Amino acid sequence: MVKVEGTLEELRALFVEGAKQEARKVAKAAGKKTVQKAVKKAKRAPSAYNKYMKKKMAELKKKHPRKKHSAIFKQAAASWKRSPERKRSMK
């Protein structure tokens, strides 16, 4: 195991740069367009809404397995409006 020191941002930058270099190496043979597609930005962390919806959708799907996805999504979104997680995320 290798011990790496630095701030979280420095480590994240190193990781992203390493991933970009690796993607360039792998995609170089396929052409320029593939290289551009392979080198992507790092994903953002999920928001409070994303985390809540993922959890709530799983609960509702388990409770109502035959219900349509769109109806479950509407129900989860409506419950987000009155949830305490929403109030915490808006501060």
C-alpha atoms as a PDB file:
ATOM      1  CA  MET A   1       0.000   0.000   0.000  1.00  0.00           C
ATOM      2  CA  VAL A   2       1.287   3.449  -0.882  1.00  0.00           C
ATOM      3  CA  LYS A   3       0.784   6.392   1.432  1.00  0.00           C
ATOM      4  CA  VAL A   4      -0.067   9.594  -0.429  1.00  0.00           C
ATOM      5  CA  GLU A   5      -0.087  12.973   1.247  1.00  0.00           C
ATOM      6  CA  GLY A   6      -1.799  16.152   0.157  1.00  0.00           C
ATOM      7  CA  THR A   7      -5.096  17.934   0.346  1.00  0.00           C
ATOM      8  CA  LEU A   8      -8.229  16.352  -1.024  1.00  0.00           C
ATOM      9  CA  GLU A   9      -8.244  18.748  -3.984  1.00  0.00           C
ATOM     10  CA  GLU A  10      -4.600  17.930  -4.826  1.00  0.00           C
ATOM     11  CA  LEU A  11      -5.299  14.194  -4.679  1.00  0.00           C
ATOM     12  CA  ARG A  12      -8.443  14.601  -6.776  1.00  0.00           C
ATOM     13  CA  ALA A  13      -6.486  16.587  -9.389  1.00  0.00           C
ATOM     14  CA  LEU A  14      -3.798  13.884  -9.509  1.00  0.00           C
ATOM     15  CA  PHE A  15      -6.415  11.190  -9.951  1.00  0.00           C
ATOM     16  CA  VAL A  16      -8.243  13.082 -12.712  1.00  0.00           C
ATOM     17  CA  GLU A  17      -4.995  13.812 -14.559  1.00  0.00           C
ATOM     18  CA  GLY A  18      -3.953  10.159 -14.316  1.00  0.00           C
ATOM     19  CA  ALA A  19      -7.349   9.053 -15.631  1.00  0.00           C
ATOM     20  CA  LYS A  20      -7.084  11.482 -18.556  1.00  0.00           C
ATOM     21  CA  GLN A  21      -3.632  10.206 -19.491  1.00  0.00           C
ATOM     22  CA  GLU A  22      -4.797   6.602 -19.323  1.00  0.00           C
ATOM     23  CA  ALA A  23      -7.854   7.396 -21.459  1.00  0.00           C
ATOM     24  CA  ARG A  24      -5.669   9.093 -24.069  1.00  0.00           C
ATOM     25  CA  LYS A  25      -3.368   6.067 -24.250  1.00  0.00           C
ATOM     26  CA  VAL A  26      -6.235   3.624 -24.653  1.00  0.00           C
ATOM     27  CA  ALA A  27      -8.227   5.696 -27.144  1.00  0.00           C
ATOM     28  CA  LYS A  28      -5.354   7.049 -29.255  1.00  0.00           C
ATOM     29  CA  ALA A  29      -5.512   4.194 -31.748  1.00  0.00           C
ATOM     30  CA  ALA A  30      -9.230   4.756 -32.366  1.00  0.00           C
ATOM     31  CA  GLY A  31      -8.873   8.377 -33.490  1.00  0.00           C
ATOM     32  CA  LYS A  32      -9.235  11.945 -32.292  1.00  0.00           C
ATOM     33  CA  LYS A  33     -13.003  11.943 -31.636  1.00  0.00           C
ATOM     34  CA  THR A  34     -12.766   8.899 -29.394  1.00  0.00           C
ATOM     35  CA  VAL A  35     -10.025  10.554 -27.348  1.00  0.00           C
ATOM     36  CA  GLN A  36     -12.241  13.573 -26.745  1.00  0.00           C
ATOM     37  CA  LYS A  37     -15.149  11.343 -25.670  1.00  0.00           C
ATOM     38  CA  ALA A  38     -12.958   9.219 -23.410  1.00  0.00           C
ATOM     39  CA  VAL A  39     -11.516  12.226 -21.563  1.00  0.00           C
ATOM     40  CA  LYS A  40     -14.437  13.432 -19.475  1.00  0.00           C
ATOM     41  CA  LYS A  41     -14.791  15.695 -16.497  1.00  0.00           C
ATOM     42  CA  ALA A  42     -14.924  14.193 -13.025  1.00  0.00           C
ATOM     43  CA  LYS A  43     -18.485  13.583 -11.821  1.00  0.00           C
ATOM     44  CA  ARG A  44     -19.958  15.830  -9.174  1.00  0.00           C
ATOM     45  CA  ALA A  45     -21.108  14.433  -5.865  1.00  0.00           C
ATOM     46  CA  PRO A  46     -24.855  13.729  -5.741  1.00  0.00           C
ATOM     47  CA  SER A  47     -26.977  16.499  -4.270  1.00  0.00           C
ATOM     48  CA  ALA A  48     -29.253  16.084  -1.270  1.00  0.00           C
ATOM     49  CA  TYR A  49     -32.185  15.792  -3.703  1.00  0.00           C
ATOM     50  CA  ASN A  50     -30.447  13.027  -5.693  1.00  0.00           C
ATOM     51  CA  LYS A  51     -29.666  11.050  -2.539  1.00  0.00           C
ATOM     52  CA  TYR A  52     -33.213  11.487  -1.203  1.00  0.00           C
ATOM     53  CA  MET A  53     -34.852  10.478  -4.479  1.00  0.00           C
ATOM     54  CA  LYS A  54     -32.695   7.371  -4.836  1.00  0.00           C
ATOM     55  CA  LYS A  55     -33.590   6.236  -1.307  1.00  0.00           C
ATOM     56  CA  LYS A  56     -37.285   7.134  -1.593  1.00  0.00           C
ATOM     57  CA  MET A  57     -37.705   5.548  -5.043  1.00  0.00           C
ATOM     58  CA  ALA A  58     -36.289   2.256  -3.743  1.00  0.00           C
ATOM     59  CA  GLU A  59     -38.685   2.336  -0.772  1.00  0.00           C
ATOM     60  CA  LEU A  60     -41.718   3.093  -2.925  1.00  0.00           C
ATOM     61  CA  LYS A  61     -40.830   0.486  -5.569  1.00  0.00           C
ATOM     62  CA  LYS A  62     -40.545  -2.127  -2.842  1.00  0.00           C
ATOM     63  CA  LYS A  63     -43.915  -1.070  -1.391  1.00  0.00           C
ATOM     64  CA  HIS A  64     -45.694  -0.793  -4.779  1.00  0.00           C
ATOM     65  CA  PRO A  65     -43.953  -3.129  -7.265  1.00  0.00           C
ATOM     66  CA  ARG A  66     -46.689  -2.930  -9.923  1.00  0.00           C
ATOM     67  CA  LYS A  67     -46.997   0.866  -9.934  1.00  0.00           C
ATOM     68  CA  LYS A  68     -45.593   2.808 -12.907  1.00  0.00           C
ATOM     69  CA  HIS A  69     -42.183   4.439 -12.539  1.00  0.00           C
ATOM     70  CA  SER A  70     -43.576   7.874 -13.414  1.00  0.00           C
ATOM     71  CA  ALA A  71     -46.247   7.655 -10.692  1.00  0.00           C
ATOM     72  CA  ILE A  72     -43.678   6.571  -8.098  1.00  0.00           C
ATOM     73  CA  PHE A  73     -41.365   9.397  -9.160  1.00  0.00           C
ATOM     74  CA  LYS A  74     -44.156  11.970  -8.779  1.00  0.00           C
ATOM     75  CA  GLN A  75     -44.955  10.616  -5.329  1.00  0.00           C
ATOM     76  CA  ALA A  76     -41.284  10.754  -4.270  1.00  0.00           C
ATOM     77  CA  ALA A  77     -40.891  14.294  -5.634  1.00  0.00           C
ATOM     78  CA  ALA A  78     -43.985  15.443  -3.743  1.00  0.00           C
ATOM     79  CA  SER A  79     -42.631  13.950  -0.522  1.00  0.00           C
ATOM     80  CA  TRP A  80     -39.323  15.824  -1.091  1.00  0.00           C
ATOM     81  CA  LYS A  81     -41.204  19.134  -0.773  1.00  0.00           C
ATOM     82  CA  ARG A  82     -42.168  18.410   2.822  1.00  0.00           C
ATOM     83  CA  SER A  83     -39.085  16.416   3.864  1.00  0.00           C
ATOM     84  CA  PRO A  84     -36.653  17.598   6.558  1.00  0.00           C
ATOM     85  CA  GLU A  85     -33.712  16.802   4.229  1.00  0.00           C
ATOM     86  CA  ARG A  86     -34.920  19.526   1.856  1.00  0.00           C
ATOM     87  CA  LYS A  87     -35.008  22.097   4.614  1.00  0.00           C
ATOM     88  CA  ARG A  88     -31.469  21.156   5.699  1.00  0.00           C
ATOM     89  CA  SER A  89     -30.129  21.361   2.141  1.00  0.00           C
ATOM     90  CA  MET A  90     -31.536  24.850   1.606  1.00  0.00           C
ATOM     91  CA  LYS A  91     -29.562  26.426   4.441  1.00  0.00           C
END
